[in-house]
């Protein structure tokens, strides 16, 4: 365990994550951020995130398609080209 983890545990102490899980799941983002905008995967695909220790679903994420990846690369290139450093 890292020093940072130990320090956080010292400050936070033990807690029951299951008590906050429903709140976190309600606020999980399942869209992609492309060109500064949140949008669903172009083919509607979703990935289910599972806790490997319990098999419990802990969230969902957009499953980016090749078209989504291309759009993200184009947006990143445009942002890099149009940004002054």
Protein backbone atom coordinates (compact mmCIF):
# COMPACT_ATOMS: atom_id res chain seq x y z
CA UNK A 1 0.00 0.00 0.00
CA UNK A 2 1.38 3.41 -0.93
CA UNK A 3 2.00 6.19 1.56
CA UNK A 4 -0.78 8.19 -0.07
CA UNK A 5 -3.26 5.33 0.37
CA UNK A 6 -2.25 4.91 4.00
CA UNK A 7 -2.66 8.65 4.59
CA UNK A 8 -6.09 8.68 2.99
CA UNK A 9 -7.19 5.72 5.09
CA UNK A 10 -5.90 7.50 8.20
CA UNK A 11 -8.01 10.54 7.34
CA UNK A 12 -11.10 8.80 5.99
CA UNK A 13 -11.08 5.67 8.09
CA UNK A 14 -12.91 2.53 7.00
CA UNK A 15 -16.24 2.99 5.27
CA UNK A 16 -18.88 0.85 3.62
CA UNK A 17 -18.73 1.55 -0.13
CA UNK A 18 -22.04 -0.26 -0.69
CA UNK A 19 -23.77 2.62 1.08
CA UNK A 20 -22.69 5.05 -1.64
CA UNK A 21 -22.82 2.67 -4.63
CA UNK A 22 -26.47 3.43 -5.58
CA UNK A 23 -25.74 7.16 -5.58
CA UNK A 24 -22.60 6.68 -7.67
CA UNK A 25 -24.40 4.45 -10.19
CA UNK A 26 -27.13 7.06 -10.62
CA UNK A 27 -24.46 9.62 -11.52
CA UNK A 28 -22.27 7.44 -13.75
CA UNK A 29 -21.66 8.88 -17.19
CA UNK A 30 -22.25 6.45 -20.02
CA UNK A 31 -21.53 8.81 -22.91
CA UNK A 32 -18.35 9.66 -24.78
CA UNK A 33 -16.64 13.05 -24.59
CA UNK A 34 -15.78 14.04 -28.17
CA UNK A 35 -14.94 17.61 -29.20
CA UNK A 36 -16.05 18.90 -25.81
CA UNK A 37 -19.50 17.34 -26.05
CA UNK A 38 -21.01 14.32 -24.34
CA UNK A 39 -22.65 11.95 -26.77
CA UNK A 40 -23.68 8.30 -26.86
CA UNK A 41 -21.73 5.78 -28.86
CA UNK A 42 -22.70 6.05 -32.53
CA UNK A 43 -23.94 2.46 -32.53
CA UNK A 44 -25.46 2.66 -29.04
CA UNK A 45 -23.02 0.15 -27.58
CA UNK A 46 -22.46 0.00 -23.83
CA UNK A 47 -19.92 -1.88 -21.74
CA UNK A 48 -20.91 -3.15 -18.31
CA UNK A 49 -18.27 -2.64 -15.63
CA UNK A 50 -18.19 -5.47 -13.12
CA UNK A 51 -16.49 -5.75 -9.75
CA UNK A 52 -14.29 -8.82 -10.28
CA UNK A 53 -14.37 -9.67 -6.58
CA UNK A 54 -18.16 -9.80 -6.30
CA UNK A 55 -19.45 -10.04 -9.86
CA UNK A 56 -21.66 -7.03 -9.10
CA UNK A 57 -22.30 -4.44 -11.79
CA UNK A 58 -20.66 -1.19 -10.71
CA UNK A 59 -21.27 0.95 -13.77
CA UNK A 60 -21.58 1.28 -17.50
CA UNK A 61 -19.46 2.98 -20.14
CA UNK A 62 -20.01 3.82 -23.76
CA UNK A 63 -18.48 1.28 -26.12
CA UNK A 64 -16.85 3.52 -28.71
CA UNK A 65 -17.16 2.34 -32.29
CA UNK A 66 -14.49 2.88 -34.96
CA UNK A 67 -16.51 5.90 -36.14
CA UNK A 68 -16.41 7.33 -32.61
CA UNK A 69 -12.65 6.79 -32.46
CA UNK A 70 -12.19 8.57 -35.81
CA UNK A 71 -14.32 11.49 -34.63
CA UNK A 72 -12.28 11.76 -31.42
CA UNK A 73 -8.97 11.73 -33.34
CA UNK A 74 -10.22 14.40 -35.74
CA UNK A 75 -11.42 16.55 -32.84
CA UNK A 76 -8.11 16.14 -31.01
CA UNK A 77 -6.12 17.08 -34.12
CA UNK A 78 -8.31 20.16 -34.66
CA UNK A 79 -7.93 21.17 -31.03
CA UNK A 80 -4.15 20.80 -31.23
CA UNK A 81 -3.96 22.77 -34.48
CA UNK A 82 -6.25 25.57 -33.27
CA UNK A 83 -4.74 26.02 -29.82
CA UNK A 84 -2.04 28.49 -28.96
CA UNK A 85 0.35 27.21 -26.35
